């Protein structure tokens, strides 16, 4: 079974800064980590390989420093890793990103299953996985919380829903986005860390992928970040007294005065 796990290097949430001129995340000088949701995608792929065999490729799109998360993925047990890296990709929104990743997956050859984390902690759009499936023409399922074994060219999963869960049978190839509830990620082994240190990563540029310049980077991104700001924190607590009815009435009047309702 040929599997691809998409991983992303993201800024440490506690150290995030925003460029006020471009509204883009400032990565220089900010510690970076593997997107936590992607760890669960890697673990899912590793368990599937243990159950049915196969090969796992970790794929990431980002600057040269994104090699760090790919080596971490190798240390965890994936077989190989590919970094899609080119200045032409700068400023990509989710549509341009998913288009680029789809080109890389096609370049890898026949793939049975693509696994992604539920979302990234920097953008939190949860859009790249489903968009990737659309570009590839694969079946897709998001918010996967339980995973069965592939059989007869299909895979059964459970996906979280607002009022419970849904059991879905997907024909392969497919794209899944997985939740943290799916599993408990393992830690890298010493052998894995040594292998990761020596591993040769494949690095592909826009030219290597044959990417259409109008569909990558800012040129291929129909969405723009109009503004980013940090909410101001302050303590403005007000104690309401009286009976429950009086407190509710006072709260409603206050919210109406603030134009909240």
C-alpha atoms as a PDB file:
ATOM      1  CA  UNK A   1       0.000   0.000   0.000  1.00  0.00           C
ATOM      2  CA  UNK A   2       1.480   3.330  -1.085  1.00  0.00           C
ATOM      3  CA  UNK A   3       0.772   6.131   1.376  1.00  0.00           C
ATOM      4  CA  UNK A   4       1.619   9.832   1.500  1.00  0.00           C
ATOM      5  CA  UNK A   5       1.446  11.872   4.704  1.00  0.00           C
ATOM      6  CA  UNK A   6       1.331  15.641   4.318  1.00  0.00           C
ATOM      7  CA  UNK A   7       3.155  17.428   7.130  1.00  0.00           C
ATOM      8  CA  UNK A   8       3.617  21.105   7.794  1.00  0.00           C
ATOM      9  CA  UNK A   9       6.130  23.101   9.774  1.00  0.00           C
ATOM     10  CA  UNK A  10       4.292  25.726  11.798  1.00  0.00           C
ATOM     11  CA  UNK A  11       5.403  28.486  14.187  1.00  0.00           C
ATOM     12  CA  UNK A  12       5.211  27.629  17.853  1.00  0.00           C
ATOM     13  CA  UNK A  13       1.803  29.032  18.820  1.00  0.00           C
ATOM     14  CA  UNK A  14       3.275  30.752  21.872  1.00  0.00           C
ATOM     15  CA  UNK A  15       5.779  32.671  19.719  1.00  0.00           C
ATOM     16  CA  UNK A  16       3.647  33.696  16.727  1.00  0.00           C
ATOM     17  CA  UNK A  17       4.226  37.150  15.267  1.00  0.00           C
ATOM     18  CA  UNK A  18       2.593  38.866  12.291  1.00  0.00           C
ATOM     19  CA  UNK A  19       4.204  41.246   9.801  1.00  0.00           C
ATOM     20  CA  UNK A  20       2.000  44.375   9.989  1.00  0.00           C
ATOM     21  CA  UNK A  21       2.912  45.355   6.408  1.00  0.00           C
ATOM     22  CA  UNK A  22       2.124  42.068   4.648  1.00  0.00           C
ATOM     23  CA  UNK A  23      -0.200  40.406   7.183  1.00  0.00           C
ATOM     24  CA  UNK A  24       1.878  37.232   6.761  1.00  0.00           C
ATOM     25  CA  UNK A  25       3.263  35.159   9.603  1.00  0.00           C
ATOM     26  CA  UNK A  26       6.857  36.077  10.451  1.00  0.00           C
ATOM     27  CA  UNK A  27       8.853  32.844  10.640  1.00  0.00           C
ATOM     28  CA  UNK A  28      12.373  34.239  11.091  1.00  0.00           C
ATOM     29  CA  UNK A  29      13.452  34.049  14.702  1.00  0.00           C
ATOM     30  CA  UNK A  30      10.309  32.148  15.684  1.00  0.00           C
ATOM     31  CA  UNK A  31      10.704  28.531  16.861  1.00  0.00           C
ATOM     32  CA  UNK A  32       9.006  26.069  14.505  1.00  0.00           C
ATOM     33  CA  UNK A  33       7.462  22.671  15.207  1.00  0.00           C
ATOM     34  CA  UNK A  34       5.650  19.935  13.333  1.00  0.00           C
ATOM     35  CA  UNK A  35       1.935  20.674  13.149  1.00  0.00           C
ATOM     36  CA  UNK A  36       0.533  18.600  16.061  1.00  0.00           C
ATOM     37  CA  UNK A  37      -2.372  17.188  14.027  1.00  0.00           C
ATOM     38  CA  UNK A  38       0.095  15.826  11.465  1.00  0.00           C
ATOM     39  CA  UNK A  39       1.665  13.583  14.093  1.00  0.00           C
ATOM     40  CA  UNK A  40      -1.603  11.683  14.257  1.00  0.00           C
ATOM     41  CA  UNK A  41      -1.632  11.334  10.464  1.00  0.00           C
ATOM     42  CA  UNK A  42       1.878   9.854  10.586  1.00  0.00           C
ATOM     43  CA  UNK A  43       0.870   7.453  13.345  1.00  0.00           C
ATOM     44  CA  UNK A  44      -2.159   6.331  11.323  1.00  0.00           C
ATOM     45  CA  UNK A  45       0.041   5.594   8.317  1.00  0.00           C
ATOM     46  CA  UNK A  46       2.556   3.683  10.444  1.00  0.00           C
ATOM     47  CA  UNK A  47      -0.184   1.504  11.933  1.00  0.00           C
ATOM     48  CA  UNK A  48      -1.638   0.775   8.499  1.00  0.00           C
ATOM     49  CA  UNK A  49       1.805  -0.224   7.243  1.00  0.00           C
ATOM     50  CA  UNK A  50       2.211  -2.535  10.226  1.00  0.00           C
ATOM     51  CA  UNK A  51      -1.156  -4.112   9.461  1.00  0.00           C
ATOM     52  CA  UNK A  52      -1.050  -4.503   5.671  1.00  0.00           C
ATOM     53  CA  UNK A  53       2.470  -3.545   4.585  1.00  0.00           C
ATOM     54  CA  UNK A  54       3.429  -0.815   2.165  1.00  0.00           C
ATOM     55  CA  UNK A  55       5.488   2.333   1.947  1.00  0.00           C
ATOM     56  CA  UNK A  56       5.070   5.812   3.445  1.00  0.00           C
ATOM     57  CA  UNK A  57       6.313   9.085   1.977  1.00  0.00           C
ATOM     58  CA  UNK A  58       6.220  12.277   4.041  1.00  0.00           C
ATOM     59  CA  UNK A  59       5.528  15.371   1.936  1.00  0.00           C
ATOM     60  CA  UNK A  60       5.885  18.996   2.953  1.00  0.00           C
ATOM     61  CA  UNK A  61       5.734  22.360   1.217  1.00  0.00           C
ATOM     62  CA  UNK A  62       7.739  25.162   2.750  1.00  0.00           C
ATOM     63  CA  UNK A  63      11.095  26.940   3.094  1.00  0.00           C
ATOM     64  CA  UNK A  64      14.391  25.015   3.382  1.00  0.00           C
ATOM     65  CA  UNK A  65      14.057  24.848   7.162  1.00  0.00           C
ATOM     66  CA  UNK A  66      10.987  22.618   6.710  1.00  0.00           C
ATOM     67  CA  UNK A  67      13.491  19.784   6.265  1.00  0.00           C
ATOM     68  CA  UNK A  68      13.431  19.579  10.059  1.00  0.00           C
ATOM     69  CA  UNK A  69       9.875  18.219  10.234  1.00  0.00           C
ATOM     70  CA  UNK A  70      10.547  15.788   7.395  1.00  0.00           C
ATOM     71  CA  UNK A  71      13.555  14.379   9.227  1.00  0.00           C
ATOM     72  CA  UNK A  72      11.369  14.133  12.311  1.00  0.00           C
ATOM     73  CA  UNK A  73       8.846  12.155  10.253  1.00  0.00           C
ATOM     74  CA  UNK A  74      11.625   9.799   9.130  1.00  0.00           C
ATOM     75  CA  UNK A  75      12.718   9.395  12.755  1.00  0.00           C
ATOM     76  CA  UNK A  76       9.158   8.343  13.570  1.00  0.00           C
ATOM     77  CA  UNK A  77       9.300   5.650  10.902  1.00  0.00           C
ATOM     78  CA  UNK A  78       8.251   6.904   7.449  1.00  0.00           C
ATOM     79  CA  UNK A  79      10.281   5.504   4.564  1.00  0.00           C
ATOM     80  CA  UNK A  80      11.209   8.644   2.640  1.00  0.00           C
ATOM     81  CA  UNK A  81      10.497  12.354   2.463  1.00  0.00           C
ATOM     82  CA  UNK A  82       9.994  15.036  -0.173  1.00  0.00           C
ATOM     83  CA  UNK A  83      10.210  18.799   0.318  1.00  0.00           C
ATOM     84  CA  UNK A  84       8.475  21.071  -2.189  1.00  0.00           C
ATOM     85  CA  UNK A  85      10.471  24.277  -1.938  1.00  0.00           C
ATOM     86  CA  UNK A  86      10.627  27.327  -4.203  1.00  0.00           C
ATOM     87  CA  UNK A  87      10.346  31.091  -3.709  1.00  0.00           C
ATOM     88  CA  UNK A  88       7.574  30.961  -6.305  1.00  0.00           C
ATOM     89  CA  UNK A  89       5.372  29.240  -3.714  1.00  0.00           C
ATOM     90  CA  UNK A  90       5.590  32.149  -1.238  1.00  0.00           C
ATOM     91  CA  UNK A  91       2.246  33.611  -0.240  1.00  0.00           C
ATOM     92  CA  UNK A  92       0.220  30.550  -1.288  1.00  0.00           C
ATOM     93  CA  UNK A  93      -3.247  30.283   0.194  1.00  0.00           C
ATOM     94  CA  UNK A  94      -4.958  26.919   0.685  1.00  0.00           C
ATOM     95  CA  UNK A  95      -5.987  26.612  -2.968  1.00  0.00           C
ATOM     96  CA  UNK A  96      -2.484  27.237  -4.306  1.00  0.00           C
ATOM     97  CA  UNK A  97      -1.004  25.004  -1.610  1.00  0.00           C
ATOM     98  CA  UNK A  98      -3.320  22.081  -2.376  1.00  0.00           C
ATOM     99  CA  UNK A  99      -2.663  22.468  -6.114  1.00  0.00           C
ATOM    100  CA  UNK A 100       1.100  22.316  -5.516  1.00  0.00           C
ATOM    101  CA  UNK A 101       0.882  19.321  -3.188  1.00  0.00           C
ATOM    102  CA  UNK A 102      -1.332  17.516  -5.711  1.00  0.00           C
ATOM    103  CA  UNK A 103       1.342  17.978  -8.389  1.00  0.00           C
ATOM    104  CA  UNK A 104       3.937  16.486  -6.034  1.00  0.00           C
ATOM    105  CA  UNK A 105       1.734  13.490  -5.230  1.00  0.00           C
ATOM    106  CA  UNK A 106       1.148  12.829  -8.924  1.00  0.00           C
ATOM    107  CA  UNK A 107       4.906  12.994  -9.475  1.00  0.00           C
ATOM    108  CA  UNK A 108       5.397  10.314  -6.827  1.00  0.00           C
ATOM    109  CA  UNK A 109       3.382   7.875  -8.934  1.00  0.00           C
ATOM    110  CA  UNK A 110       0.530   5.564  -7.937  1.00  0.00           C
ATOM    111  CA  UNK A 111      -0.723   6.403  -4.440  1.00  0.00           C
ATOM    112  CA  UNK A 112      -3.421   4.532  -2.523  1.00  0.00           C
ATOM    113  CA  UNK A 113      -3.948   6.796   0.455  1.00  0.00           C
ATOM    114  CA  UNK A 114      -3.103  10.396   1.407  1.00  0.00           C
ATOM    115  CA  UNK A 115      -3.266  11.300   5.095  1.00  0.00           C
ATOM    116  CA  UNK A 116      -3.391  14.845   6.474  1.00  0.00           C
ATOM    117  CA  UNK A 117      -3.892  16.310   9.902  1.00  0.00           C
ATOM    118  CA  UNK A 118      -7.324  17.748  10.606  1.00  0.00           C
ATOM    119  CA  UNK A 119      -5.965  21.284  10.253  1.00  0.00           C
ATOM    120  CA  UNK A 120      -2.856  23.345  10.901  1.00  0.00           C
ATOM    121  CA  UNK A 121      -2.554  25.356  14.087  1.00  0.00           C
ATOM    122  CA  UNK A 122      -1.407  28.481  12.231  1.00  0.00           C
ATOM    123  CA  UNK A 123      -4.166  28.784   9.612  1.00  0.00           C
ATOM    124  CA  UNK A 124      -6.828  26.480  11.128  1.00  0.00           C
ATOM    125  CA  UNK A 125      -8.822  26.439   7.869  1.00  0.00           C
ATOM    126  CA  UNK A 126      -9.067  22.631   7.513  1.00  0.00           C
ATOM    127  CA  UNK A 127      -9.293  23.239   3.756  1.00  0.00           C
ATOM    128  CA  UNK A 128      -6.098  21.775   2.278  1.00  0.00           C
ATOM    129  CA  UNK A 129      -7.075  18.109   2.705  1.00  0.00           C
ATOM    130  CA  UNK A 130     -10.464  18.319   0.939  1.00  0.00           C
ATOM    131  CA  UNK A 131      -9.048  20.628  -1.750  1.00  0.00           C
ATOM    132  CA  UNK A 132      -6.198  18.182  -2.311  1.00  0.00           C
ATOM    133  CA  UNK A 133      -8.712  15.378  -2.883  1.00  0.00           C
ATOM    134  CA  UNK A 134     -10.530  17.536  -5.431  1.00  0.00           C
ATOM    135  CA  UNK A 135      -7.329  18.262  -7.360  1.00  0.00           C
ATOM    136  CA  UNK A 136      -6.393  14.577  -7.378  1.00  0.00           C
ATOM    137  CA  UNK A 137      -9.888  13.291  -8.123  1.00  0.00           C
ATOM    138  CA  UNK A 138      -9.701  11.017  -5.037  1.00  0.00           C
ATOM    139  CA  UNK A 139     -12.462  10.075  -2.620  1.00  0.00           C
ATOM    140  CA  UNK A 140     -12.151  12.012   0.619  1.00  0.00           C
ATOM    141  CA  UNK A 141     -13.293  12.004   4.213  1.00  0.00           C
ATOM    142  CA  UNK A 142     -12.539  14.608   6.887  1.00  0.00           C
ATOM    143  CA  UNK A 143     -12.553  14.531  10.705  1.00  0.00           C
ATOM    144  CA  UNK A 144     -11.678  10.832  10.798  1.00  0.00           C
ATOM    145  CA  UNK A 145     -11.699   9.478  14.350  1.00  0.00           C
ATOM    146  CA  UNK A 146     -11.397   5.714  13.681  1.00  0.00           C
ATOM    147  CA  UNK A 147      -9.748   3.775  10.903  1.00  0.00           C
ATOM    148  CA  UNK A 148     -10.262   0.212   9.670  1.00  0.00           C
ATOM    149  CA  UNK A 149      -8.041  -2.002   7.520  1.00  0.00           C
ATOM    150  CA  UNK A 150      -8.085  -1.660   3.718  1.00  0.00           C
ATOM    151  CA  UNK A 151      -9.814  -4.569   2.017  1.00  0.00           C
ATOM    152  CA  UNK A 152     -10.841  -5.198  -1.578  1.00  0.00           C
ATOM    153  CA  UNK A 153      -9.773  -1.748  -2.693  1.00  0.00           C
ATOM    154  CA  UNK A 154     -11.779   0.067  -0.028  1.00  0.00           C
ATOM    155  CA  UNK A 155     -11.351   1.499   3.460  1.00  0.00           C
ATOM    156  CA  UNK A 156     -13.916   1.922   6.233  1.00  0.00           C
ATOM    157  CA  UNK A 157     -13.600   4.892   8.593  1.00  0.00           C
ATOM    158  CA  UNK A 158     -15.591   6.708  11.227  1.00  0.00           C
ATOM    159  CA  UNK A 159     -15.863  10.481  10.974  1.00  0.00           C
ATOM    160  CA  UNK A 160     -17.008  12.803  13.724  1.00  0.00           C
ATOM    161  CA  UNK A 161     -20.361  14.542  13.237  1.00  0.00           C
ATOM    162  CA  UNK A 162     -22.173  17.157  15.297  1.00  0.00           C
ATOM    163  CA  UNK A 163     -24.532  14.630  16.847  1.00  0.00           C
ATOM    164  CA  UNK A 164     -22.370  11.511  16.891  1.00  0.00           C
ATOM    165  CA  UNK A 165     -20.378   9.853  14.133  1.00  0.00           C
ATOM    166  CA  UNK A 166     -20.768   8.527  10.621  1.00  0.00           C
ATOM    167  CA  UNK A 167     -19.374   5.259   9.286  1.00  0.00           C
ATOM    168  CA  UNK A 168     -18.071   5.725   5.737  1.00  0.00           C
ATOM    169  CA  UNK A 169     -16.723   3.238   3.181  1.00  0.00           C
ATOM    170  CA  UNK A 170     -14.289   4.824   0.736  1.00  0.00           C
ATOM    171  CA  UNK A 171     -12.991   3.385  -2.494  1.00  0.00           C
ATOM    172  CA  UNK A 172      -9.246   3.849  -2.803  1.00  0.00           C
ATOM    173  CA  UNK A 173      -7.384   6.003  -3.668  1.00  0.00           C
ATOM    174  CA  UNK A 174      -8.574   8.441  -1.029  1.00  0.00           C
ATOM    175  CA  UNK A 175      -7.583  11.451   1.067  1.00  0.00           C
ATOM    176  CA  UNK A 176      -8.270  11.482   4.812  1.00  0.00           C
ATOM    177  CA  UNK A 177      -7.914  14.250   7.373  1.00  0.00           C
ATOM    178  CA  UNK A 178      -7.565  12.818  10.864  1.00  0.00           C
ATOM    179  CA  UNK A 179      -8.403  14.026  14.345  1.00  0.00           C
ATOM    180  CA  UNK A 180      -6.331  13.792  17.510  1.00  0.00           C
ATOM    181  CA  UNK A 181      -8.827  11.261  18.884  1.00  0.00           C
ATOM    182  CA  UNK A 182      -7.703   8.737  16.260  1.00  0.00           C
ATOM    183  CA  UNK A 183      -4.550   7.591  18.068  1.00  0.00           C
ATOM    184  CA  UNK A 184      -1.654   8.352  20.389  1.00  0.00           C
ATOM    185  CA  UNK A 185       1.478   9.223  18.368  1.00  0.00           C
ATOM    186  CA  UNK A 186       4.630   7.276  19.161  1.00  0.00           C
ATOM    187  CA  UNK A 187       8.007   8.778  20.012  1.00  0.00           C
ATOM    188  CA  UNK A 188      10.984   8.462  17.663  1.00  0.00           C
ATOM    189  CA  UNK A 189      13.390   5.627  18.330  1.00  0.00           C
ATOM    190  CA  UNK A 190      17.154   6.057  18.600  1.00  0.00           C
ATOM    191  CA  UNK A 191      17.556   4.004  15.423  1.00  0.00           C
ATOM    192  CA  UNK A 192      15.001   6.217  13.687  1.00  0.00           C
ATOM    193  CA  UNK A 193      16.772   9.405  14.749  1.00  0.00           C
ATOM    194  CA  UNK A 194      20.089   8.113  13.423  1.00  0.00           C
ATOM    195  CA  UNK A 195      18.465   7.161  10.125  1.00  0.00           C
ATOM    196  CA  UNK A 196      16.785  10.582   9.881  1.00  0.00           C
ATOM    197  CA  UNK A 197      20.081  12.364  10.382  1.00  0.00           C
ATOM    198  CA  UNK A 198      21.646  10.560   7.407  1.00  0.00           C
ATOM    199  CA  UNK A 199      18.584  10.469   5.147  1.00  0.00           C
ATOM    200  CA  UNK A 200      18.707  12.195   1.768  1.00  0.00           C
ATOM    201  CA  UNK A 201      15.581  14.213   1.131  1.00  0.00           C
ATOM    202  CA  UNK A 202      14.223  14.886  -2.317  1.00  0.00           C
ATOM    203  CA  UNK A 203      13.668  18.604  -2.978  1.00  0.00           C
ATOM    204  CA  UNK A 204      11.350  19.615  -5.816  1.00  0.00           C
ATOM    205  CA  UNK A 205      10.912  23.101  -7.244  1.00  0.00           C
ATOM    206  CA  UNK A 206       8.057  24.583  -9.251  1.00  0.00           C
ATOM    207  CA  UNK A 207       9.911  23.657 -12.430  1.00  0.00           C
ATOM    208  CA  UNK A 208      10.337  20.061 -11.259  1.00  0.00           C
ATOM    209  CA  UNK A 209       6.582  19.822 -10.751  1.00  0.00           C
ATOM    210  CA  UNK A 210       5.704  21.536 -14.016  1.00  0.00           C
ATOM    211  CA  UNK A 211       3.561  23.979 -12.045  1.00  0.00           C
ATOM    212  CA  UNK A 212       1.458  26.598 -13.811  1.00  0.00           C
ATOM    213  CA  UNK A 213       2.856  29.971 -12.569  1.00  0.00           C
ATOM    214  CA  UNK A 214      -0.651  31.439 -12.489  1.00  0.00           C
ATOM    215  CA  UNK A 215      -1.790  28.804  -9.968  1.00  0.00           C
ATOM    216  CA  UNK A 216       0.983  28.989  -7.368  1.00  0.00           C
ATOM    217  CA  UNK A 217       2.117  31.554  -4.824  1.00  0.00           C
ATOM    218  CA  UNK A 218       0.272  34.834  -4.541  1.00  0.00           C
ATOM    219  CA  UNK A 219      -0.647  34.773  -8.237  1.00  0.00           C
ATOM    220  CA  UNK A 220      -2.590  31.563  -7.706  1.00  0.00           C
ATOM    221  CA  UNK A 221      -4.183  32.606  -4.417  1.00  0.00           C
ATOM    222  CA  UNK A 222      -7.672  34.116  -4.786  1.00  0.00           C
ATOM    223  CA  UNK A 223      -7.886  34.895  -1.075  1.00  0.00           C
ATOM    224  CA  UNK A 224      -6.040  37.683   0.712  1.00  0.00           C
ATOM    225  CA  UNK A 225      -5.512  38.464   4.375  1.00  0.00           C
ATOM    226  CA  UNK A 226      -7.008  41.933   4.739  1.00  0.00           C
ATOM    227  CA  UNK A 227      -5.851  42.431   8.306  1.00  0.00           C
ATOM    228  CA  UNK A 228      -4.523  40.642  11.352  1.00  0.00           C
ATOM    229  CA  UNK A 229      -4.552  41.884  14.928  1.00  0.00           C
ATOM    230  CA  UNK A 230      -4.141  40.542  18.423  1.00  0.00           C
ATOM    231  CA  UNK A 231      -7.233  41.016  20.575  1.00  0.00           C
ATOM    232  CA  UNK A 232      -6.749  43.387  23.477  1.00  0.00           C
ATOM    233  CA  UNK A 233      -7.018  41.735  26.837  1.00  0.00           C
ATOM    234  CA  UNK A 234      -8.495  43.509  29.787  1.00  0.00           C
ATOM    235  CA  UNK A 235     -10.462  42.857  32.936  1.00  0.00           C
ATOM    236  CA  UNK A 236     -13.875  44.490  32.778  1.00  0.00           C
ATOM    237  CA  UNK A 237     -15.856  42.172  35.001  1.00  0.00           C
ATOM    238  CA  UNK A 238     -19.145  43.464  36.347  1.00  0.00           C
ATOM    239  CA  UNK A 239     -21.015  41.685  39.120  1.00  0.00           C
ATOM    240  CA  UNK A 240     -24.769  41.455  38.638  1.00  0.00           C
ATOM    241  CA  UNK A 241     -26.934  41.298  41.747  1.00  0.00           C
ATOM    242  CA  UNK A 242     -30.555  40.606  42.491  1.00  0.00           C
ATOM    243  CA  UNK A 243     -32.768  37.676  41.600  1.00  0.00           C
ATOM    244  CA  UNK A 244     -32.045  35.455  38.598  1.00  0.00           C
ATOM    245  CA  UNK A 245     -34.702  37.294  36.576  1.00  0.00           C
ATOM    246  CA  UNK A 246     -33.227  40.676  37.527  1.00  0.00           C
ATOM    247  CA  UNK A 247     -29.709  39.531  36.650  1.00  0.00           C
ATOM    248  CA  UNK A 248     -30.828  38.228  33.254  1.00  0.00           C
ATOM    249  CA  UNK A 249     -32.663  41.459  32.497  1.00  0.00           C
ATOM    250  CA  UNK A 250     -29.632  43.531  33.513  1.00  0.00           C
ATOM    251  CA  UNK A 251     -27.355  41.390  31.331  1.00  0.00           C
ATOM    252  CA  UNK A 252     -29.658  41.765  28.303  1.00  0.00           C
ATOM    253  CA  UNK A 253     -29.814  45.526  28.753  1.00  0.00           C
ATOM    254  CA  UNK A 254     -26.021  45.720  29.011  1.00  0.00           C
ATOM    255  CA  UNK A 255     -25.507  43.619  25.857  1.00  0.00           C
ATOM    256  CA  UNK A 256     -28.032  45.754  23.979  1.00  0.00           C
ATOM    257  CA  UNK A 257     -26.248  48.905  25.100  1.00  0.00           C
ATOM    258  CA  UNK A 258     -22.950  47.475  23.808  1.00  0.00           C
ATOM    259  CA  UNK A 259     -24.710  46.511  20.523  1.00  0.00           C
ATOM    260  CA  UNK A 260     -23.786  42.865  21.054  1.00  0.00           C
ATOM    261  CA  UNK A 261     -27.424  41.812  20.573  1.00  0.00           C
END
